[in-house]
Amino acid sequence: MRAAALFLTGLAYTEAFSGLSTSKGHISSSLNGANSNNEEDVNNRRSFLVQSAASASSILLLTNSANPANAGIDPLALKALPVEGDTTGATTRMRQIETVNGPRPEDSKDIAFEKLPSGASYREYREGKGEATVGNGSKVAVEMTIRCVSFATANEPGGVKYFSTKADTEFNELAWTIGDGELPPELEEGMAGMRKGGVRRIELPSTVVFAARKNNQLPQPTTKDGKRVFERLFKTDATLLLEVLVTRIK
């Protein structure tokens, strides 16, 4: 009997400890589950914060990439305003000319050169506007670039320039009266019929250029590079290409 009691008592203790171990296992599993849930919540919160930050950054980028507002002001119109300290009005006029006479789509049209009786030829890039046209006795002002065709390069296929009103004159223009003998008559023939804002390329053959040099009818360069090119011009074919933009006619 005593042995049986001891056996039952031992069995009871074994079951009790087994129950305790099982309870501990449940508790450990519950704790592990709780920790797993907590980690999942933390990860979910972290993912939400990252997504929110990314969305906010995208909105800021879209806002910053928008075109700036001009407050109803046309930037081109600002060029017509007087320049502070421009006592002679030259700078203001230069800006106005740039606004009116800037490049236009029609300038790129491919039009053949037209031969004239004097041997000169011209190609019209822009017809210009207005009723006044260039003719004998007209008082004109032009922007002009003169290129030496014989010295054409990859960067300047029309020829290296030896003169430009921008670099060689004070107000970026040449002004004279057509027919007064100041410039070659072949150039004036190539300009006949031009209107304000009109653009032409006028080619003067070598024989005309040599004659114009003899008569002191060629615009003179003022820059060191221009003078060097001008001197070289008369040691070879002296054909010139003049790019002319009419800015005033009277």
C-alpha atoms as a PDB file:
ATOM      1  CA  MET A   1       0.000   0.000   0.000  1.00  0.00           C
ATOM      2  CA  ARG A   2       2.751   2.380   0.904  1.00  0.00           C
ATOM      3  CA  ALA A   3       4.538   1.628  -2.332  1.00  0.00           C
ATOM      4  CA  ALA A   4       1.343   2.237  -4.237  1.00  0.00           C
ATOM      5  CA  ALA A   5       0.858   5.560  -2.433  1.00  0.00           C
ATOM      6  CA  LEU A   6       4.384   6.625  -3.201  1.00  0.00           C
ATOM      7  CA  PHE A   7       3.886   5.677  -6.863  1.00  0.00           C
ATOM      8  CA  LEU A   8       0.680   7.711  -7.067  1.00  0.00           C
ATOM      9  CA  THR A   9       2.296  10.606  -5.303  1.00  0.00           C
ATOM     10  CA  GLY A  10       5.260  10.525  -7.759  1.00  0.00           C
ATOM     11  CA  LEU A  11       2.863  10.345 -10.669  1.00  0.00           C
ATOM     12  CA  ALA A  12       0.982  13.357  -9.346  1.00  0.00           C
ATOM     13  CA  TYR A  13       4.177  15.378  -9.028  1.00  0.00           C
ATOM     14  CA  THR A  14       5.198  14.361 -12.557  1.00  0.00           C
ATOM     15  CA  GLU A  15       1.864  15.499 -13.971  1.00  0.00           C
ATOM     16  CA  ALA A  16       2.058  18.699 -11.983  1.00  0.00           C
ATOM     17  CA  PHE A  17       5.527  19.504 -13.342  1.00  0.00           C
ATOM     18  CA  SER A  18       4.410  18.506 -16.821  1.00  0.00           C
ATOM     19  CA  GLY A  19       1.460  20.879 -16.491  1.00  0.00           C
ATOM     20  CA  LEU A  20       3.775  23.606 -15.289  1.00  0.00           C
ATOM     21  CA  SER A  21       6.074  23.056 -18.271  1.00  0.00           C
ATOM     22  CA  THR A  22       3.097  23.113 -20.602  1.00  0.00           C
ATOM     23  CA  SER A  23       1.898  26.356 -19.017  1.00  0.00           C
ATOM     24  CA  LYS A  24       5.348  27.840 -19.441  1.00  0.00           C
ATOM     25  CA  GLY A  25       5.291  26.724 -23.070  1.00  0.00           C
ATOM     26  CA  HIS A  26       1.947  28.444 -23.582  1.00  0.00           C
ATOM     27  CA  ILE A  27       3.189  31.556 -21.865  1.00  0.00           C
ATOM     28  CA  SER A  28       6.369  31.555 -23.999  1.00  0.00           C
ATOM     29  CA  SER A  29       4.312  31.026 -27.151  1.00  0.00           C
ATOM     30  CA  SER A  30       1.990  33.857 -26.134  1.00  0.00           C
ATOM     31  CA  LEU A  31       4.948  36.146 -25.506  1.00  0.00           C
ATOM     32  CA  ASN A  32       6.531  35.193 -28.821  1.00  0.00           C
ATOM     33  CA  GLY A  33       3.232  35.848 -30.567  1.00  0.00           C
ATOM     34  CA  ALA A  34       2.903  39.197 -28.856  1.00  0.00           C
ATOM     35  CA  ASN A  35       6.450  40.126 -29.832  1.00  0.00           C
ATOM     36  CA  SER A  36       5.759  39.037 -33.394  1.00  0.00           C
ATOM     37  CA  ASN A  37       2.645  41.180 -33.490  1.00  0.00           C
ATOM     38  CA  ASN A  38       4.532  44.148 -32.073  1.00  0.00           C
ATOM     39  CA  GLU A  39       7.259  43.780 -34.700  1.00  0.00           C
ATOM     40  CA  GLU A  40       4.632  43.557 -37.432  1.00  0.00           C
ATOM     41  CA  ASP A  41       2.959  46.744 -36.135  1.00  0.00           C
ATOM     42  CA  VAL A  42       6.317  48.538 -36.060  1.00  0.00           C
ATOM     43  CA  ASN A  43       7.088  47.427 -39.592  1.00  0.00           C
ATOM     44  CA  ASN A  44       3.665  48.550 -40.779  1.00  0.00           C
ATOM     45  CA  ARG A  45       4.125  51.964 -39.190  1.00  0.00           C
ATOM     46  CA  ARG A  46       7.608  52.299 -40.667  1.00  0.00           C
ATOM     47  CA  SER A  47       6.311  51.399 -44.153  1.00  0.00           C
ATOM     48  CA  PHE A  48       3.494  53.939 -43.792  1.00  0.00           C
ATOM     49  CA  LEU A  49       5.937  56.692 -42.804  1.00  0.00           C
ATOM     50  CA  VAL A  50       8.280  55.891 -45.728  1.00  0.00           C
ATOM     51  CA  GLN A  51       5.384  55.955 -48.206  1.00  0.00           C
ATOM     52  CA  SER A  52       4.117  59.237 -46.768  1.00  0.00           C
ATOM     53  CA  ALA A  53       7.567  60.841 -47.025  1.00  0.00           C
ATOM     54  CA  ALA A  54       7.910  59.662 -50.633  1.00  0.00           C
ATOM     55  CA  SER A  55       4.516  61.117 -51.529  1.00  0.00           C
ATOM     56  CA  ALA A  56       5.413  64.447 -49.913  1.00  0.00           C
ATOM     57  CA  SER A  57       8.728  64.561 -51.828  1.00  0.00           C
ATOM     58  CA  SER A  58       6.939  63.902 -55.121  1.00  0.00           C
ATOM     59  CA  ILE A  59       4.521  66.742 -54.454  1.00  0.00           C
ATOM     60  CA  LEU A  60       7.407  69.122 -53.650  1.00  0.00           C
ATOM     61  CA  LEU A  61       9.256  68.135 -56.828  1.00  0.00           C
ATOM     62  CA  LEU A  62       6.160  68.710 -58.955  1.00  0.00           C
ATOM     63  CA  THR A  63       5.632  72.082 -57.298  1.00  0.00           C
ATOM     64  CA  ASN A  64       9.243  73.185 -57.818  1.00  0.00           C
ATOM     65  CA  SER A  65       9.338  72.032 -61.465  1.00  0.00           C
ATOM     66  CA  ALA A  66       6.382  74.169 -62.445  1.00  0.00           C
ATOM     67  CA  ASN A  67       7.091  77.141 -64.697  1.00  0.00           C
ATOM     68  CA  PRO A  68       7.607  80.338 -62.716  1.00  0.00           C
ATOM     69  CA  ALA A  69       4.816  82.848 -62.910  1.00  0.00           C
ATOM     70  CA  ASN A  70       5.560  86.048 -64.780  1.00  0.00           C
ATOM     71  CA  ALA A  71       2.800  87.962 -63.030  1.00  0.00           C
ATOM     72  CA  GLY A  72       1.312  88.970 -66.378  1.00  0.00           C
ATOM     73  CA  ILE A  73       4.575  90.599 -67.572  1.00  0.00           C
ATOM     74  CA  ASP A  74       5.894  89.846 -71.049  1.00  0.00           C
ATOM     75  CA  PRO A  75       9.708  89.472 -70.612  1.00  0.00           C
ATOM     76  CA  LEU A  76      10.282  90.605 -74.210  1.00  0.00           C
ATOM     77  CA  ALA A  77       8.472  93.878 -73.474  1.00  0.00           C
ATOM     78  CA  LEU A  78      11.106  94.696 -70.848  1.00  0.00           C
ATOM     79  CA  LYS A  79      13.672  95.225 -73.628  1.00  0.00           C
ATOM     80  CA  ALA A  80      11.744  98.283 -74.777  1.00  0.00           C
ATOM     81  CA  LEU A  81      12.143 100.011 -71.402  1.00  0.00           C
ATOM     82  CA  PRO A  82      14.829 102.703 -70.997  1.00  0.00           C
ATOM     83  CA  VAL A  83      18.115 101.574 -69.470  1.00  0.00           C
ATOM     84  CA  GLU A  84      19.116 103.446 -66.323  1.00  0.00           C
ATOM     85  CA  GLY A  85      22.209 105.580 -66.924  1.00  0.00           C
ATOM     86  CA  ASP A  86      21.896 105.348 -70.714  1.00  0.00           C
ATOM     87  CA  THR A  87      22.268 109.092 -71.299  1.00  0.00           C
ATOM     88  CA  THR A  88      22.802 108.835 -75.079  1.00  0.00           C
ATOM     89  CA  GLY A  89      19.984 106.331 -75.645  1.00  0.00           C
ATOM     90  CA  ALA A  90      22.334 103.999 -77.557  1.00  0.00           C
ATOM     91  CA  THR A  91      21.926 100.986 -75.266  1.00  0.00           C
ATOM     92  CA  THR A  92      18.148 101.365 -75.210  1.00  0.00           C
ATOM     93  CA  ARG A  93      18.043 101.528 -79.005  1.00  0.00           C
ATOM     94  CA  MET A  94      20.253  98.449 -79.343  1.00  0.00           C
ATOM     95  CA  ARG A  95      17.882  96.434 -77.174  1.00  0.00           C
ATOM     96  CA  GLN A  96      14.876  97.628 -79.164  1.00  0.00           C
ATOM     97  CA  ILE A  97      16.558  96.640 -82.446  1.00  0.00           C
ATOM     98  CA  GLU A  98      17.352  93.163 -81.073  1.00  0.00           C
ATOM     99  CA  THR A  99      13.696  92.698 -80.086  1.00  0.00           C
ATOM    100  CA  VAL A 100      12.333  93.735 -83.494  1.00  0.00           C
ATOM    101  CA  ASN A 101      14.996  92.210 -85.713  1.00  0.00           C
ATOM    102  CA  GLY A 102      15.663  88.879 -84.012  1.00  0.00           C
ATOM    103  CA  PRO A 103      15.747  85.539 -85.908  1.00  0.00           C
ATOM    104  CA  ARG A 104      12.474  84.388 -87.480  1.00  0.00           C
ATOM    105  CA  PRO A 105      11.388  81.014 -88.965  1.00  0.00           C
ATOM    106  CA  GLU A 106      11.327  82.419 -92.511  1.00  0.00           C
ATOM    107  CA  ASP A 107      15.048  83.273 -92.277  1.00  0.00           C
ATOM    108  CA  SER A 108      15.935  79.598 -92.907  1.00  0.00           C
ATOM    109  CA  LYS A 109      14.200  79.312 -96.303  1.00  0.00           C
ATOM    110  CA  ASP A 110      16.459  78.036 -99.072  1.00  0.00           C
ATOM    111  CA  ILE A 111      16.202  80.642-101.861  1.00  0.00           C
ATOM    112  CA  ALA A 112      18.594  80.848-104.819  1.00  0.00           C
ATOM    113  CA  PHE A 113      20.834  83.872-105.433  1.00  0.00           C
ATOM    114  CA  GLU A 114      19.578  86.303-108.073  1.00  0.00           C
ATOM    115  CA  LYS A 115      22.197  87.602-110.511  1.00  0.00           C
ATOM    116  CA  LEU A 116      22.270  91.374-111.209  1.00  0.00           C
ATOM    117  CA  PRO A 117      23.583  93.257-114.294  1.00  0.00           C
ATOM    118  CA  SER A 118      26.590  94.619-112.369  1.00  0.00           C
ATOM    119  CA  GLY A 119      27.812  91.101-111.606  1.00  0.00           C
ATOM    120  CA  ALA A 120      26.658  91.200-107.981  1.00  0.00           C
ATOM    121  CA  SER A 121      24.032  88.741-106.763  1.00  0.00           C
ATOM    122  CA  TYR A 122      21.744  88.550-103.776  1.00  0.00           C
ATOM    123  CA  ARG A 123      19.561  86.164-101.849  1.00  0.00           C
ATOM    124  CA  GLU A 124      16.574  87.436 -99.874  1.00  0.00           C
ATOM    125  CA  TYR A 125      15.983  85.869 -96.479  1.00  0.00           C
ATOM    126  CA  ARG A 126      13.287  88.208 -95.178  1.00  0.00           C
ATOM    127  CA  GLU A 127      11.204  90.715 -97.105  1.00  0.00           C
ATOM    128  CA  GLY A 128      10.660  93.207 -94.297  1.00  0.00           C
ATOM    129  CA  LYS A 129       7.617  95.413 -93.785  1.00  0.00           C
ATOM    130  CA  GLY A 130       6.418  98.954 -94.412  1.00  0.00           C
ATOM    131  CA  GLU A 131       5.774 101.131 -97.442  1.00  0.00           C
ATOM    132  CA  ALA A 132       9.264 102.652 -97.700  1.00  0.00           C
ATOM    133  CA  THR A 133      11.752 100.786 -99.889  1.00  0.00           C
ATOM    134  CA  VAL A 134      15.462 101.258-100.568  1.00  0.00           C
ATOM    135  CA  GLY A 135      16.107 103.251-103.731  1.00  0.00           C
ATOM    136  CA  ASN A 136      18.295 106.010-105.127  1.00  0.00           C
ATOM    137  CA  GLY A 137      18.436 108.924-102.648  1.00  0.00           C
ATOM    138  CA  SER A 138      17.103 106.858 -99.712  1.00  0.00           C
ATOM    139  CA  LYS A 139      18.683 107.520 -96.339  1.00  0.00           C
ATOM    140  CA  VAL A 140      19.233 104.102 -94.821  1.00  0.00           C
ATOM    141  CA  ALA A 141      20.760 102.476 -91.759  1.00  0.00           C
ATOM    142  CA  VAL A 142      21.751  98.824 -91.703  1.00  0.00           C
ATOM    143  CA  GLU A 143      23.349  96.172 -89.550  1.00  0.00           C
ATOM    144  CA  MET A 144      26.021  94.457 -91.652  1.00  0.00           C
ATOM    145  CA  THR A 145      28.537  91.622 -91.563  1.00  0.00           C
ATOM    146  CA  ILE A 146      31.116  91.233 -94.342  1.00  0.00           C
ATOM    147  CA  ARG A 147      32.711  87.819 -94.997  1.00  0.00           C
ATOM    148  CA  CYS A 148      35.668  86.797 -97.160  1.00  0.00           C
ATOM    149  CA  VAL A 149      34.386  83.840 -99.202  1.00  0.00           C
ATOM    150  CA  SER A 150      37.921  82.562 -99.957  1.00  0.00           C
ATOM    151  CA  PHE A 151      38.581  82.051 -96.232  1.00  0.00           C
ATOM    152  CA  ALA A 152      35.621  79.772 -95.514  1.00  0.00           C
ATOM    153  CA  THR A 153      36.049  77.404 -92.540  1.00  0.00           C
ATOM    154  CA  ALA A 154      34.026  74.640 -90.894  1.00  0.00           C
ATOM    155  CA  ASN A 155      32.814  77.111 -88.272  1.00  0.00           C
ATOM    156  CA  GLU A 156      32.199  79.895 -90.816  1.00  0.00           C
ATOM    157  CA  PRO A 157      31.217  78.188 -94.099  1.00  0.00           C
ATOM    158  CA  GLY A 158      30.146  81.518 -95.621  1.00  0.00           C
ATOM    159  CA  GLY A 159      33.641  82.911 -95.087  1.00  0.00           C
ATOM    160  CA  VAL A 160      35.611  84.454 -92.232  1.00  0.00           C
ATOM    161  CA  LYS A 161      34.236  87.900 -91.381  1.00  0.00           C
ATOM    162  CA  TYR A 162      36.515  90.923 -91.493  1.00  0.00           C
ATOM    163  CA  PHE A 163      33.877  93.538 -90.590  1.00  0.00           C
ATOM    164  CA  SER A 164      30.668  93.752 -88.592  1.00  0.00           C
ATOM    165  CA  THR A 165      28.700  96.759 -87.408  1.00  0.00           C
ATOM    166  CA  LYS A 166      28.480  95.141 -83.979  1.00  0.00           C
ATOM    167  CA  ALA A 167      32.264  95.017 -83.518  1.00  0.00           C
ATOM    168  CA  ASP A 168      33.389  97.922 -85.710  1.00  0.00           C
ATOM    169  CA  THR A 169      30.814 100.703 -85.162  1.00  0.00           C
ATOM    170  CA  GLU A 170      29.607 102.546 -82.108  1.00  0.00           C
ATOM    171  CA  PHE A 171      25.852 102.031 -82.583  1.00  0.00           C
ATOM    172  CA  ASN A 172      25.845  98.694 -84.446  1.00  0.00           C
ATOM    173  CA  GLU A 173      24.837 100.276 -87.760  1.00  0.00           C
ATOM    174  CA  LEU A 174      26.062 101.932 -90.932  1.00  0.00           C
ATOM    175  CA  ALA A 175      24.063 104.954 -92.108  1.00  0.00           C
ATOM    176  CA  TRP A 176      24.409 106.646 -95.510  1.00  0.00           C
ATOM    177  CA  THR A 177      22.456 107.947 -98.493  1.00  0.00           C
ATOM    178  CA  ILE A 178      22.023 105.595-101.437  1.00  0.00           C
ATOM    179  CA  GLY A 179      23.874 106.931-104.475  1.00  0.00           C
ATOM    180  CA  ASP A 180      26.286 109.252-102.650  1.00  0.00           C
ATOM    181  CA  GLY A 181      29.291 107.070-103.514  1.00  0.00           C
ATOM    182  CA  GLU A 182      30.170 106.199 -99.916  1.00  0.00           C
ATOM    183  CA  LEU A 183      29.655 102.458-100.465  1.00  0.00           C
ATOM    184  CA  PRO A 184      29.941 100.305-103.632  1.00  0.00           C
ATOM    185  CA  PRO A 185      27.077 100.923-106.103  1.00  0.00           C
ATOM    186  CA  GLU A 186      26.872  97.133-106.649  1.00  0.00           C
ATOM    187  CA  LEU A 187      25.994  96.749-102.969  1.00  0.00           C
ATOM    188  CA  GLU A 188      23.285  99.387-103.296  1.00  0.00           C
ATOM    189  CA  GLU A 189      21.952  97.647-106.411  1.00  0.00           C
ATOM    190  CA  GLY A 190      21.673  94.448-104.346  1.00  0.00           C
ATOM    191  CA  MET A 191      19.747  96.359-101.656  1.00  0.00           C
ATOM    192  CA  ALA A 192      17.240  97.971-104.057  1.00  0.00           C
ATOM    193  CA  GLY A 193      13.649  97.307-103.028  1.00  0.00           C
ATOM    194  CA  MET A 194      14.441  96.225 -99.468  1.00  0.00           C
ATOM    195  CA  ARG A 195      12.064  97.253 -96.682  1.00  0.00           C
ATOM    196  CA  LYS A 196      12.616  97.886 -92.985  1.00  0.00           C
ATOM    197  CA  GLY A 197      13.436  94.620 -91.239  1.00  0.00           C
ATOM    198  CA  GLY A 198      14.423  92.985 -94.517  1.00  0.00           C
ATOM    199  CA  VAL A 199      17.462  90.684 -94.642  1.00  0.00           C
ATOM    200  CA  ARG A 200      19.605  89.892 -97.693  1.00  0.00           C
ATOM    201  CA  ARG A 201      22.931  88.271 -98.440  1.00  0.00           C
ATOM    202  CA  ILE A 202      24.701  90.165-101.225  1.00  0.00           C
ATOM    203  CA  GLU A 203      27.725  88.720-102.992  1.00  0.00           C
ATOM    204  CA  LEU A 204      30.228  91.070-104.613  1.00  0.00           C
ATOM    205  CA  PRO A 205      32.669  89.458-107.089  1.00  0.00           C
ATOM    206  CA  SER A 206      36.399  89.959-106.758  1.00  0.00           C
ATOM    207  CA  THR A 207      36.636  92.533-109.574  1.00  0.00           C
ATOM    208  CA  VAL A 208      33.993  94.712-107.892  1.00  0.00           C
ATOM    209  CA  VAL A 209      35.767  94.433-104.523  1.00  0.00           C
ATOM    210  CA  PHE A 210      39.147  95.493-105.955  1.00  0.00           C
ATOM    211  CA  ALA A 211      37.493  98.509-107.611  1.00  0.00           C
ATOM    212  CA  ALA A 212      35.693  99.413-104.389  1.00  0.00           C
ATOM    213  CA  ARG A 213      38.971  99.238-102.479  1.00  0.00           C
ATOM    214  CA  LYS A 214      40.583 101.582-104.985  1.00  0.00           C
ATOM    215  CA  ASN A 215      37.702 104.043-104.532  1.00  0.00           C
ATOM    216  CA  ASN A 216      37.776 103.777-100.714  1.00  0.00           C
ATOM    217  CA  GLN A 217      34.223 102.393-100.673  1.00  0.00           C
ATOM    218  CA  LEU A 218      34.743  99.390 -98.410  1.00  0.00           C
ATOM    219  CA  PRO A 219      33.877  99.552 -94.670  1.00  0.00           C
ATOM    220  CA  GLN A 220      37.083  99.407 -92.650  1.00  0.00           C
ATOM    221  CA  PRO A 221      37.675  96.978 -89.752  1.00  0.00           C
ATOM    222  CA  THR A 222      38.777  98.317 -86.379  1.00  0.00           C
ATOM    223  CA  THR A 223      39.718  95.049 -84.641  1.00  0.00           C
ATOM    224  CA  LYS A 224      43.140  93.410 -84.889  1.00  0.00           C
ATOM    225  CA  ASP A 225      41.739  90.185 -86.334  1.00  0.00           C
ATOM    226  CA  GLY A 226      39.583  92.055 -88.821  1.00  0.00           C
ATOM    227  CA  LYS A 227      42.506  94.100 -90.092  1.00  0.00           C
ATOM    228  CA  ARG A 228      44.636  90.989 -90.548  1.00  0.00           C
ATOM    229  CA  VAL A 229      41.900  89.224 -92.570  1.00  0.00           C
ATOM    230  CA  PHE A 230      41.282  92.370 -94.644  1.00  0.00           C
ATOM    231  CA  GLU A 231      44.951  92.590 -95.648  1.00  0.00           C
ATOM    232  CA  ARG A 232      45.054  88.914 -96.648  1.00  0.00           C
ATOM    233  CA  LEU A 233      41.896  89.351 -98.741  1.00  0.00           C
ATOM    234  CA  PHE A 234      43.637  91.140-101.592  1.00  0.00           C
ATOM    235  CA  LYS A 235      46.276  88.425-102.045  1.00  0.00           C
ATOM    236  CA  THR A 236      43.697  85.995-103.382  1.00  0.00           C
ATOM    237  CA  ASP A 237      40.117  85.897-104.734  1.00  0.00           C
ATOM    238  CA  ALA A 238      38.529  88.888-102.969  1.00  0.00           C
ATOM    239  CA  THR A 239      34.859  87.884-103.344  1.00  0.00           C
ATOM    240  CA  LEU A 240      32.820  89.235-100.417  1.00  0.00           C
ATOM    241  CA  LEU A 241      29.544  88.089 -98.888  1.00  0.00           C
ATOM    242  CA  LEU A 242      27.632  90.893 -97.150  1.00  0.00           C
ATOM    243  CA  GLU A 243      24.815  90.096 -94.736  1.00  0.00           C
ATOM    244  CA  VAL A 244      22.544  93.148 -94.584  1.00  0.00           C
ATOM    245  CA  LEU A 245      19.634  93.931 -92.253  1.00  0.00           C
ATOM    246  CA  VAL A 246      17.794  97.201 -92.903  1.00  0.00           C
ATOM    247  CA  THR A 247      16.921  98.956 -89.637  1.00  0.00           C
ATOM    248  CA  ARG A 248      15.841 102.408 -90.945  1.00  0.00           C
ATOM    249  CA  ILE A 249      14.703 103.937 -94.250  1.00  0.00           C
ATOM    250  CA  LYS A 250      13.900 107.583 -94.859  1.00  0.00           C
END
